[in-house]
Protein backbone atom coordinates (compact mmCIF):
# COMPACT_ATOMS: atom_id res chain seq x y z
CA MET A 1 2.68 26.95 -11.14
CA SER A 2 -0.27 29.09 -11.90
CA GLU A 3 -1.76 31.10 -8.82
CA ARG A 4 -4.79 28.94 -8.63
CA LYS A 5 -4.91 27.03 -5.26
CA VAL A 6 -3.76 23.46 -5.24
CA ARG A 7 -6.72 20.88 -4.72
CA VAL A 8 -6.49 16.98 -5.53
CA ARG A 9 -8.88 14.63 -4.80
CA PHE A 10 -8.70 10.80 -4.33
CA ALA A 11 -11.95 9.08 -5.68
CA PRO A 12 -12.18 5.38 -5.08
CA SER A 13 -15.21 3.27 -5.76
CA PRO A 14 -16.40 1.06 -2.63
CA THR A 15 -16.49 -2.14 -4.58
CA GLY A 16 -13.69 -3.52 -2.05
CA PRO A 17 -10.65 -3.40 -0.45
CA LEU A 18 -8.34 -0.29 -1.40
CA HIS A 19 -5.46 -2.15 -3.45
CA MET A 20 -1.87 -0.78 -2.64
CA GLY A 21 -2.01 0.65 -6.22
CA GLY A 22 -4.92 2.92 -5.26
CA VAL A 23 -3.01 3.76 -2.28
CA ARG A 24 0.03 5.21 -4.18
CA THR A 25 -2.38 6.80 -6.33
CA ALA A 26 -3.78 8.67 -3.06
CA LEU A 27 -0.25 9.21 -1.64
CA TYR A 28 0.94 11.05 -4.67
CA ASN A 29 -1.85 12.86 -4.43
CA TYR A 30 -1.44 13.95 -0.76
CA LEU A 31 2.22 14.47 -1.41
CA PHE A 32 1.43 16.93 -4.09
CA ALA A 33 -0.87 18.80 -2.13
CA LYS A 34 1.00 19.15 0.54
CA LYS A 35 4.01 20.37 -1.24
CA HIS A 36 2.00 23.16 -2.60
CA ASN A 37 -0.17 23.99 0.41
CA GLY A 38 -3.19 22.67 -1.01
CA ASP A 39 -5.89 20.50 -0.13
CA PHE A 40 -6.53 16.84 -0.29
CA ILE A 41 -10.00 15.89 -0.90
CA LEU A 42 -11.28 12.18 -0.64
CA ARG A 43 -14.60 11.58 -2.74
CA ILE A 44 -16.28 8.39 -2.75
CA GLU A 45 -17.36 7.70 -6.25
CA ASP A 46 -20.50 5.16 -5.50
CA THR A 47 -22.37 5.52 -8.94
CA ASP A 48 -22.43 1.86 -9.65
CA GLN A 49 -24.86 0.71 -6.88
CA ASN A 50 -24.46 -2.64 -8.20
CA ARG A 51 -21.01 -3.09 -7.00
CA TYR A 52 -21.29 -1.54 -3.85
CA VAL A 53 -19.64 -3.65 -1.05
CA LYS A 54 -20.57 -2.99 2.54
CA GLY A 55 -17.99 -2.17 4.62
CA ALA A 56 -15.38 -1.11 1.86
CA GLU A 57 -15.85 2.97 2.37
CA GLU A 58 -14.93 2.40 5.93
CA TYR A 59 -11.98 0.13 5.36
CA ILE A 60 -10.75 2.85 2.93
CA ILE A 61 -11.08 5.64 5.46
CA SER A 62 -8.97 3.60 7.89
CA ALA A 63 -6.41 2.26 5.26
CA LEU A 64 -5.69 5.92 4.28
CA GLU A 65 -5.77 7.03 8.04
CA TRP A 66 -3.36 4.13 8.66
CA CYS A 67 -1.08 5.39 5.97
CA GLY A 68 -1.13 9.04 7.27
CA LEU A 69 -2.97 10.13 4.43
CA ASN A 70 -5.17 12.58 6.50
CA MET A 71 -7.99 14.12 4.35
CA ASP A 72 -8.59 17.84 4.44
CA GLU A 73 -11.94 17.50 3.36
CA GLY A 74 -14.22 13.92 2.62
CA PRO A 75 -17.23 11.64 3.77
CA THR A 76 -15.84 12.23 7.53
CA LYS A 77 -14.46 15.51 7.42
CA GLU A 78 -17.11 18.06 5.42
CA GLY A 79 -16.26 21.07 3.95
CA GLN A 80 -17.94 23.83 2.06
CA PHE A 81 -18.09 21.63 -1.57
CA GLY A 82 -20.04 18.75 0.01
CA PRO A 83 -21.41 16.10 0.05
CA TYR A 84 -18.43 14.10 -0.97
CA ARG A 85 -20.41 10.92 -1.67
CA GLN A 86 -21.68 10.91 -5.45
CA SER A 87 -24.96 9.15 -4.27
CA GLU A 88 -25.77 11.76 -2.22
CA ARG A 89 -25.18 14.18 -4.88
CA LYS A 90 -27.92 12.46 -7.39
CA ASN A 91 -29.61 15.41 -7.52
CA ILE A 92 -26.89 17.73 -9.12
CA TYR A 93 -25.82 15.64 -12.31
CA GLN A 94 -29.36 15.89 -14.40
CA LYS A 95 -28.80 19.57 -14.66
CA TYR A 96 -25.50 18.95 -16.59
CA ALA A 97 -26.78 15.83 -18.61
CA ASN A 98 -29.51 18.13 -19.91
CA GLN A 99 -27.36 21.01 -20.67
CA LEU A 100 -25.31 18.66 -22.83
CA ILE A 101 -28.75 17.87 -24.26
CA ASP A 102 -29.84 21.11 -25.03
CA SER A 103 -26.44 22.11 -26.75
CA GLY A 104 -26.53 19.10 -28.82
CA ASN A 105 -23.57 17.35 -27.63
CA ALA A 106 -25.66 14.84 -25.89
CA TYR A 107 -28.82 12.69 -26.85
CA PHE A 108 -31.16 10.07 -25.52
CA ALA A 109 -30.53 6.37 -26.29
CA PHE A 110 -33.62 4.30 -26.01
CA ASP A 111 -31.76 1.00 -26.97
CA SER A 112 -32.45 -2.00 -24.68
CA ALA A 113 -29.53 -4.08 -23.51
CA GLU A 114 -30.98 -6.85 -25.96
CA GLU A 115 -30.79 -4.97 -28.92
CA LEU A 116 -27.20 -3.71 -28.10
CA GLU A 117 -26.23 -7.49 -27.71
CA GLU A 118 -27.74 -8.21 -30.70
CA MET A 119 -26.14 -5.57 -32.78
CA ARG A 120 -22.91 -6.87 -31.32
CA ALA A 121 -23.63 -10.29 -32.54
CA MET A 122 -24.21 -9.34 -35.90
CA ALA A 123 -21.36 -7.13 -36.36
CA LYS A 124 -19.12 -10.23 -35.07
CA LYS A 125 -20.70 -12.51 -37.53
CA ALA A 126 -19.71 -9.85 -40.18
CA LYS A 127 -16.12 -10.10 -38.54
CA MET A 128 -16.42 -6.65 -37.41
CA PRO A 129 -15.88 -8.13 -33.45
CA ASN A 130 -15.29 -4.27 -32.09
CA TRP A 131 -18.75 -3.19 -32.38
CA GLN A 132 -19.05 0.42 -30.94
CA TYR A 133 -22.03 3.02 -30.56
CA ASN A 134 -20.42 5.77 -32.44
CA ALA A 135 -20.80 8.54 -34.89
CA ILE A 136 -21.58 5.89 -37.79
CA THR A 137 -23.76 3.34 -35.93
CA ARG A 138 -25.55 5.72 -33.91
CA ASN A 139 -27.79 6.43 -37.18
CA ASN A 140 -28.85 2.89 -37.21
CA MET A 141 -30.24 2.94 -33.49
CA LYS A 142 -32.94 3.85 -31.35
CA ASN A 143 -32.29 7.37 -30.29
CA SER A 144 -32.94 11.10 -30.28
CA LEU A 145 -30.93 11.71 -33.44
CA THR A 146 -33.25 9.12 -35.45
CA LEU A 147 -36.38 9.61 -33.99
CA SER A 148 -38.54 12.63 -34.21
CA ASN A 149 -38.95 15.16 -31.39
CA GLU A 150 -42.65 13.72 -30.71
CA GLU A 151 -41.31 10.21 -30.56
CA VAL A 152 -38.61 10.96 -28.04
CA GLN A 153 -40.94 13.00 -25.68
CA THR A 154 -43.60 10.39 -25.92
CA LYS A 155 -41.01 7.47 -24.70
CA LEU A 156 -40.04 10.20 -22.05
CA ASP A 157 -43.76 10.77 -20.95
CA SER A 158 -44.11 7.28 -20.66
CA GLY A 159 -41.07 6.23 -18.49
CA ALA A 160 -39.30 4.31 -21.24
CA PRO A 161 -35.89 3.18 -20.28
CA TYR A 162 -33.22 5.35 -21.72
CA THR A 163 -29.40 6.46 -21.13
CA ILE A 164 -27.86 9.67 -22.10
CA ARG A 165 -24.72 9.41 -24.56
CA ILE A 166 -22.40 11.92 -25.66
CA LYS A 167 -22.57 12.78 -29.11
CA MET A 168 -18.91 12.33 -30.39
CA PRO A 169 -18.04 14.62 -33.09
CA ARG A 170 -16.37 12.93 -36.35
CA ASN A 171 -12.68 13.31 -37.22
CA GLU A 172 -11.20 15.60 -34.97
CA ASP A 173 -8.24 15.83 -32.79
CA VAL A 174 -8.50 16.00 -28.78
CA ARG A 175 -5.54 17.54 -27.65
CA PHE A 176 -4.06 17.55 -23.82
CA TYR A 177 -1.13 17.70 -21.91
CA ASP A 178 -0.34 15.24 -19.60
CA GLU A 179 2.14 16.08 -16.47
CA ILE A 180 3.84 12.80 -16.79
CA ARG A 181 3.23 11.79 -20.63
CA GLY A 182 3.31 15.01 -22.24
CA TRP A 183 1.01 16.20 -25.22
CA VAL A 184 -1.94 13.47 -25.64
CA ILE A 185 -3.67 13.19 -29.00
CA VAL A 186 -6.68 11.26 -29.87
CA ASN A 187 -8.97 11.36 -32.85
CA THR A 188 -12.77 11.25 -32.07
CA ASN A 189 -12.84 8.25 -34.90
CA ASN A 190 -11.49 6.07 -32.23
CA MET A 191 -13.65 7.28 -29.68
CA ASP A 192 -17.37 5.76 -28.90
CA ASP A 193 -20.30 7.55 -27.71
CA LYS A 194 -19.88 6.86 -24.02
CA VAL A 195 -22.89 6.49 -21.48
CA ILE A 196 -22.97 9.76 -19.40
CA TYR A 197 -26.36 9.29 -17.52
CA LYS A 198 -28.38 6.13 -16.96
CA GLY A 199 -32.51 5.82 -16.78
CA ASP A 200 -32.00 5.09 -12.92
CA GLY A 201 -30.94 9.10 -12.33
CA MET A 202 -27.52 8.23 -11.66
CA PRO A 203 -24.70 9.51 -13.90
CA THR A 204 -21.95 7.41 -15.15
CA TYR A 205 -18.46 7.95 -13.74
CA HIS A 206 -17.33 10.23 -16.89
CA LEU A 207 -19.98 12.69 -16.41
CA ALA A 208 -20.18 12.73 -12.17
CA ASN A 209 -16.22 13.06 -12.06
CA VAL A 210 -16.36 15.77 -14.43
CA VAL A 211 -18.73 17.61 -12.70
CA ASP A 212 -17.56 16.94 -9.43
CA ASP A 213 -14.20 18.19 -10.24
CA TYR A 214 -15.50 21.31 -11.45
CA LEU A 215 -17.85 21.91 -8.59
CA MET A 216 -14.99 21.17 -6.07
CA LYS A 217 -12.46 23.37 -7.90
CA ILE A 218 -10.03 20.40 -8.39
CA SER A 219 -7.06 21.92 -9.93
CA HIS A 220 -4.98 18.78 -10.77
CA VAL A 221 -6.45 15.21 -11.38
CA ILE A 222 -3.47 12.61 -10.62
CA ARG A 223 -4.89 9.04 -11.39
CA GLY A 224 -3.89 5.72 -12.67
CA GLU A 225 -2.76 5.21 -16.34
CA GLU A 226 -6.06 2.87 -16.48
CA TRP A 227 -8.17 6.00 -17.03
CA LEU A 228 -5.92 7.85 -19.54
CA PRO A 229 -8.07 6.42 -22.53
CA SER A 230 -10.98 8.25 -20.88
CA ALA A 231 -9.36 11.27 -20.77
CA PRO A 232 -10.25 12.91 -24.14
CA LEU A 233 -13.83 12.34 -23.44
CA HIS A 234 -13.43 14.24 -20.12
CA VAL A 235 -11.54 16.82 -21.95
CA LEU A 236 -14.59 17.25 -24.53
CA LEU A 237 -17.02 16.95 -21.23
CA TYR A 238 -15.34 20.45 -19.98
CA GLN A 239 -15.23 21.83 -23.45
CA TYR A 240 -19.28 21.39 -24.03
CA LEU A 241 -20.02 22.14 -20.73
CA GLY A 242 -17.87 25.54 -20.75
CA TRP A 243 -15.65 24.83 -18.24
CA GLU A 244 -12.56 24.54 -20.51
CA ASP A 245 -10.59 27.43 -18.83
CA VAL A 246 -11.00 25.90 -15.37
CA MET A 247 -10.21 22.47 -16.52
CA PRO A 248 -7.72 20.55 -14.22
CA LYS A 249 -4.25 19.69 -15.28
CA PHE A 250 -3.97 15.81 -15.70
CA ALA A 251 -1.49 13.40 -14.80
CA HIS A 252 -1.97 9.53 -15.38
CA LEU A 253 0.53 7.25 -13.24
CA PRO A 254 1.80 4.14 -14.34
CA LEU A 255 0.89 0.86 -13.34
CA ILE A 256 2.37 -1.66 -10.49
CA LEU A 257 3.39 -4.53 -12.07
CA LYS A 258 3.47 -8.18 -10.86
CA PRO A 259 6.94 -9.26 -9.43
CA ASP A 260 7.22 -11.92 -12.11
CA GLY A 261 6.21 -11.90 -15.86
CA ASN A 262 4.23 -9.13 -17.27
CA GLY A 263 0.84 -7.48 -16.15
CA LYS A 264 -0.60 -5.75 -13.52
CA LEU A 265 -0.23 -6.45 -9.63
CA SER A 266 -3.31 -8.42 -8.55
CA LYS A 267 -4.63 -10.03 -5.33
CA ARG A 268 -3.80 -13.52 -6.97
CA ASP A 269 -0.20 -12.75 -7.45
CA GLY A 270 0.11 -11.89 -3.81
CA ASP A 271 -1.68 -15.24 -2.93
CA ARG A 272 0.43 -16.92 -5.07
CA LEU A 273 3.53 -15.72 -3.94
CA GLY A 274 2.99 -14.95 -0.34
CA PHE A 275 2.52 -11.10 0.35
CA PRO A 276 -0.19 -8.67 1.10
CA VAL A 277 -1.85 -6.74 -1.58
CA PHE A 278 -3.73 -4.45 0.72
CA PRO A 279 -2.78 -2.03 3.50
CA LEU A 280 -5.03 -3.46 6.00
CA GLU A 281 -6.41 -7.09 6.50
CA TRP A 282 -9.96 -7.50 4.67
CA LYS A 283 -12.82 -9.93 5.37
CA ASP A 284 -15.10 -10.18 2.41
CA PRO A 285 -18.24 -9.35 3.51
CA ASN A 286 -20.06 -12.17 1.20
CA THR A 287 -17.51 -15.04 1.33
CA GLY A 288 -15.91 -14.41 4.70
CA GLU A 289 -12.52 -14.91 3.16
CA ILE A 290 -9.63 -12.97 4.92
CA SER A 291 -6.90 -11.42 2.92
CA SER A 292 -3.56 -10.15 4.62
CA GLY A 293 -2.74 -6.50 5.27
CA TYR A 294 0.45 -5.15 5.52
CA LYS A 295 -0.53 -3.37 9.29
CA GLU A 296 -1.22 -7.03 10.52
CA LYS A 297 2.00 -8.45 8.94
CA GLY A 298 3.93 -6.12 10.88
CA TYR A 299 5.14 -3.37 8.39
CA PHE A 300 5.81 0.13 9.73
CA THR A 301 3.50 2.62 8.14
CA ASN A 302 6.45 4.83 6.89
CA ALA A 303 8.18 1.83 5.41
CA PHE A 304 4.93 0.83 3.42
CA VAL A 305 4.44 4.74 2.52
CA ASN A 306 8.24 4.81 1.52
CA MET A 307 8.04 1.72 -0.62
CA LEU A 308 4.81 3.02 -2.38
CA ALA A 309 6.53 6.24 -3.22
CA PHE A 310 9.61 4.71 -5.02
CA LEU A 311 6.89 2.24 -7.21
CA GLY A 312 6.94 4.84 -9.89
CA TRP A 313 8.65 7.73 -8.47
CA ASN A 314 12.43 8.55 -7.96
CA PRO A 315 14.08 11.62 -6.36
CA GLY A 316 17.11 11.63 -8.57
CA THR A 317 19.36 10.71 -6.43
CA SER A 318 20.83 7.61 -4.56
CA LYS A 319 18.43 8.22 -1.30
CA GLU A 320 16.06 5.71 -0.89
CA LEU A 321 14.77 6.15 3.02
CA TYR A 322 12.45 8.89 3.31
CA SER A 323 10.02 10.22 6.00
CA MET A 324 6.85 11.75 5.07
CA GLU A 325 8.11 15.14 5.55
CA GLU A 326 10.77 14.38 3.29
CA LEU A 327 8.59 12.69 0.62
CA ILE A 328 6.54 15.72 0.63
CA ASN A 329 9.33 18.00 0.22
CA ASP A 330 11.32 16.16 -2.85
CA PHE A 331 8.12 15.23 -4.74
CA THR A 332 7.39 16.32 -8.15
CA LEU A 333 5.20 14.80 -10.89
CA GLU A 334 8.35 15.38 -13.17
CA ARG A 335 10.13 12.39 -11.62
CA VAL A 336 7.37 10.05 -11.89
CA GLY A 337 8.18 7.45 -14.69
CA LYS A 338 5.99 6.77 -17.90
CA SER A 339 6.81 2.80 -17.48
CA GLY A 340 5.20 0.46 -15.15
CA ALA A 341 6.70 -0.33 -11.72
CA LYS A 342 7.56 -3.96 -10.95
CA PHE A 343 6.81 -4.76 -7.36
CA ASP A 344 9.48 -6.53 -5.40
CA PRO A 345 8.54 -8.23 -1.99
CA GLU A 346 11.61 -8.32 -0.85
CA LYS A 347 12.44 -4.95 -1.46
CA THR A 348 9.21 -4.01 0.92
CA LYS A 349 10.89 -6.16 3.68
CA TRP A 350 14.34 -4.39 3.18
CA PHE A 351 12.50 -0.88 3.62
CA ASN A 352 10.79 -2.09 6.59
CA GLN A 353 14.18 -3.40 8.14
CA GLN A 354 15.68 -0.03 7.29
CA HIS A 355 12.79 1.81 9.20
CA LEU A 356 12.70 -0.53 11.95
CA ARG A 357 16.51 0.13 12.46
CA THR A 358 15.68 3.94 12.84
CA THR A 359 12.84 3.65 15.11
CA PRO A 360 14.01 4.82 18.81
CA ASN A 361 14.07 1.84 20.96
CA SER A 362 11.73 3.48 23.22
CA VAL A 363 9.10 3.19 20.55
CA LEU A 364 9.97 -0.28 19.63
CA ALA A 365 10.10 -1.53 23.37
CA LYS A 366 6.46 -0.10 23.82
CA GLN A 367 5.30 -1.99 20.84
CA MET A 368 7.16 -5.31 21.92
CA THR A 369 5.47 -4.71 25.24
CA GLU A 370 2.10 -4.81 23.86
CA GLU A 371 2.92 -8.01 21.83
CA SER A 372 4.14 -9.94 24.51
CA ASP A 373 3.32 -11.31 28.30
CA TRP A 374 6.81 -11.00 29.39
CA GLU A 375 6.96 -9.10 32.82
CA VAL A 376 9.98 -7.00 32.57
CA SER A 377 10.90 -3.14 32.93
CA GLU A 378 10.88 -0.90 29.97
CA GLU A 379 14.15 -0.44 30.54
CA TYR A 380 14.89 -3.79 29.93
CA MET A 381 12.91 -4.10 26.84
CA ILE A 382 14.51 -1.14 25.43
CA LYS A 383 18.11 -2.62 25.81
CA VAL A 384 16.39 -5.95 24.25
CA ALA A 385 15.48 -4.05 21.44
CA GLU A 386 18.83 -2.31 21.13
CA LEU A 387 20.80 -5.79 20.62
CA MET A 388 17.96 -7.18 18.39
CA LYS A 389 17.45 -4.38 16.01
CA GLU A 390 20.08 -4.91 13.96
CA ARG A 391 18.95 -8.40 13.07
CA ALA A 392 15.22 -8.10 12.71
CA THR A 393 13.17 -6.93 9.83
CA PHE A 394 9.84 -6.91 12.12
CA THR A 395 9.15 -5.93 15.35
CA SER A 396 8.05 -9.68 16.41
CA GLU A 397 11.36 -10.64 15.25
CA LEU A 398 12.63 -8.74 18.51
CA LEU A 399 10.45 -11.22 20.43
CA ALA A 400 11.59 -14.27 18.87
CA ASP A 401 14.82 -15.20 21.06
CA LYS A 402 13.14 -16.34 24.24
CA TYR A 403 16.24 -16.60 26.02
CA PHE A 404 15.94 -12.91 26.89
CA PHE A 405 13.16 -13.74 29.27
CA THR A 406 13.55 -17.10 30.32
CA SER A 407 15.84 -19.60 30.29
CA PRO A 408 16.39 -21.64 27.25
CA GLU A 409 14.64 -25.33 26.91
CA ASP A 410 16.04 -25.73 23.56
CA PHE A 411 19.70 -25.74 22.32
CA ASP A 412 21.18 -25.45 18.50
CA GLN A 413 22.27 -29.21 18.52
CA LYS A 414 24.76 -28.70 15.31
CA THR A 415 26.88 -25.82 17.34
CA PHE A 416 26.76 -28.38 20.40
CA ARG A 417 28.05 -31.18 18.17
CA LYS A 418 30.71 -29.09 16.49
CA LYS A 419 32.03 -26.99 19.54
CA TRP A 420 31.07 -28.89 22.58
CA LYS A 421 34.48 -30.90 23.46
CA GLU A 422 35.71 -33.20 26.45
CA ASN A 423 37.37 -30.18 28.39
CA SER A 424 34.38 -27.70 27.56
CA SER A 425 32.93 -28.12 30.73
CA ILE A 426 36.11 -27.55 32.52
CA LEU A 427 36.61 -24.10 30.76
CA MET A 428 33.10 -23.19 31.22
CA ASN A 429 33.76 -23.70 34.87
CA GLU A 430 36.82 -21.90 35.17
CA LEU A 431 35.45 -18.91 33.29
CA PHE A 432 32.17 -18.48 35.23
CA GLU A 433 34.06 -18.80 38.42
CA ARG A 434 35.91 -15.75 37.47
CA LEU A 435 32.48 -13.68 35.94
CA GLU A 436 31.13 -14.62 39.40
CA LYS A 437 33.74 -12.56 41.51
CA CYS A 438 33.21 -9.33 39.03
CA ASN A 439 31.75 -6.25 41.02
CA GLU A 440 30.19 -4.37 38.27
CA PHE A 441 28.76 -6.84 35.78
CA SER A 442 28.94 -4.90 32.76
CA GLN A 443 29.56 -5.72 29.22
CA GLU A 444 32.91 -4.18 29.19
CA ASN A 445 33.99 -5.96 32.20
CA ILE A 446 32.80 -9.34 31.32
CA GLU A 447 34.71 -8.98 27.76
CA GLY A 448 37.46 -8.02 29.48
CA ILE A 449 37.41 -11.05 31.82
CA PHE A 450 36.72 -13.26 28.42
CA LYS A 451 39.71 -12.30 26.90
CA ASP A 452 42.13 -12.53 29.86
CA PHE A 453 41.04 -16.10 30.59
CA ILE A 454 41.39 -17.52 26.72
CA THR A 455 44.99 -15.49 26.75
CA GLU A 456 45.74 -16.83 30.04
CA LYS A 457 44.90 -20.40 28.76
CA GLU A 458 46.41 -19.99 25.17
CA ILE A 459 43.06 -21.11 23.34
CA GLY A 460 41.52 -19.50 20.63
CA MET A 461 37.90 -17.48 21.11
CA GLY A 462 36.48 -20.30 19.43
CA ALA A 463 37.17 -22.82 22.10
CA VAL A 464 35.17 -20.96 24.39
CA LEU A 465 32.63 -18.58 22.98
CA PRO A 466 30.30 -20.84 21.26
CA CYS A 467 30.09 -23.13 24.34
CA MET A 468 29.34 -20.10 26.42
CA ARG A 469 26.73 -18.86 24.13
CA LEU A 470 24.87 -22.38 24.01
CA VAL A 471 24.71 -22.04 28.31
CA LEU A 472 23.39 -18.65 28.10
CA THR A 473 21.12 -18.75 24.95
CA GLY A 474 20.57 -22.34 23.72
CA LYS A 475 21.70 -20.72 20.62
CA GLY A 476 24.41 -20.78 17.88
CA MET A 477 24.60 -17.18 16.75
CA GLY A 478 23.40 -14.16 18.20
CA PRO A 479 23.92 -10.39 19.41
CA SER A 480 27.13 -10.06 21.55
CA VAL A 481 27.37 -12.81 24.14
CA PHE A 482 28.88 -10.38 26.41
CA ALA A 483 26.06 -7.97 25.91
CA ILE A 484 23.54 -10.52 26.62
CA ALA A 485 25.21 -11.43 29.90
CA ALA A 486 25.19 -7.84 30.73
CA LEU A 487 21.57 -7.72 30.16
CA LEU A 488 20.80 -10.74 31.91
CA GLY A 489 22.37 -9.72 34.97
CA LYS A 490 24.92 -11.88 37.37
CA GLU A 491 22.31 -13.98 39.28
CA GLU A 492 20.63 -15.24 36.05
CA VAL A 493 23.62 -15.80 34.18
CA MET A 494 25.36 -17.86 36.96
CA ASN A 495 22.19 -19.71 37.45
CA ARG A 496 21.95 -20.87 33.90
CA TYR A 497 25.67 -21.57 33.83
CA LYS A 498 25.17 -24.19 36.81
CA GLU A 499 22.07 -25.48 35.02
CA LYS A 500 23.27 -25.79 31.40
CA ASN A 501 26.96 -26.67 31.86
CA LYS A 502 26.37 -29.48 33.81
CA PHE A 503 23.49 -30.48 31.21
CA PHE A 504 25.82 -30.43 28.34
CA GLN A 505 28.29 -31.97 30.07
CA ASN A 506 26.23 -35.18 30.52
CA LEU A 507 24.57 -34.75 27.23
CA PHE A 508 28.45 -35.09 25.73
CA LEU A 509 29.17 -37.77 27.96
CA GLU A 510 26.01 -40.04 26.85
CA LYS A 511 27.00 -39.40 23.22
CA THR A 512 30.72 -40.23 23.63
CA ASN A 513 29.71 -43.47 25.65
CA VAL A 514 27.13 -44.86 23.00
């Protein structure tokens, strides 16, 4: 690592909600920065005002905050390199566009949209469907390379619409090293003269991101592989602007792939297969359509982040469960793969399940209290969390069994039909009479009384335990019934026995008499 301070940026466009692929890009930037005691910058790239979506910037910031990816500099945390919205930096870019023109590395283009479309149509008709504005075709177009200086100046003075295009050299190899993919070499004959500045006074992404990265002293550009084809252009811009010595290192991340089939994960895949693709819920301001988010679905932040980290990166060990601090410590770009990472919704649930199990019961109890209307003590809710957490994936599931809070109204009919016999009511009477005499109503004592009872009666556990569970919970399975009984307390246990034992016995008699 060079002595240059690590400074990375996450630079989304506010054109809609932040996709989980974007969150992963932000995460990798954040982890890299924090590992090297660097800065994580949020920059809003809103040069394309036609695609701007109201509320998208606020959503992006909220999503990053929920994920724990706190910016060191950004729109809501100004630093010495602001402003951090490209729309607020509009007056900066003209200078560098002019510099490129003056050096002969860019030129004015006056071709209208209609003229460009006409050229594409002619090329297609001539069986050249991939027409480009490049080193060959530019000589037949309306630009400052084909017009006289006087004609160009006249057009500019008259306010004629124009763009500024980079002048791509003929048959040169552009080389750069990608921290993930190794050496990348692209010949300029395969590149077109991209627009870098628009007539409305706004730069395109290509110029704006290079200028901003330079001015903000960005040391590493870590972004999705969809930007890999643009990287040679950006390298040339660094060279033409005289910034080659401080050009950031590049790392292009692999795609997140759909769970089935091929291709990049999209919102449609989530809608089709029933899982979120956004960190937070999003309401489209134009259509009113609501898209689900991982937060609202009940996922823990650390589980979501843990899952995202493993979509493209691995530590080289069998360890899968990580805290943010552990991710920062172990993360390296060298362990990021080149190939796309297939998203697995079930694996995402597994991560949440595992993180739920490691969450302190007191924390779970607080969440459970906030999500329910049950008026119970904190201590009681903690014990419910302890009993249920090994069976749950989401916090809401910790509250799914209402028998912890009220006498059950429903019951498992299959268990009743299979396990409730003619003598079940008699056995329940005898067992609960013994339980009523227990002074210290602990799990250990309840279990001891139960085992002594079935030993004395010379019956198997299956003859009594399912019926006891039905009486107390209405369920056919669940956590230890002895632990449940201890938590409910003697008074509640005896009340339920008196109510439910008689109920089940009457129901059994009704069925047998039919």
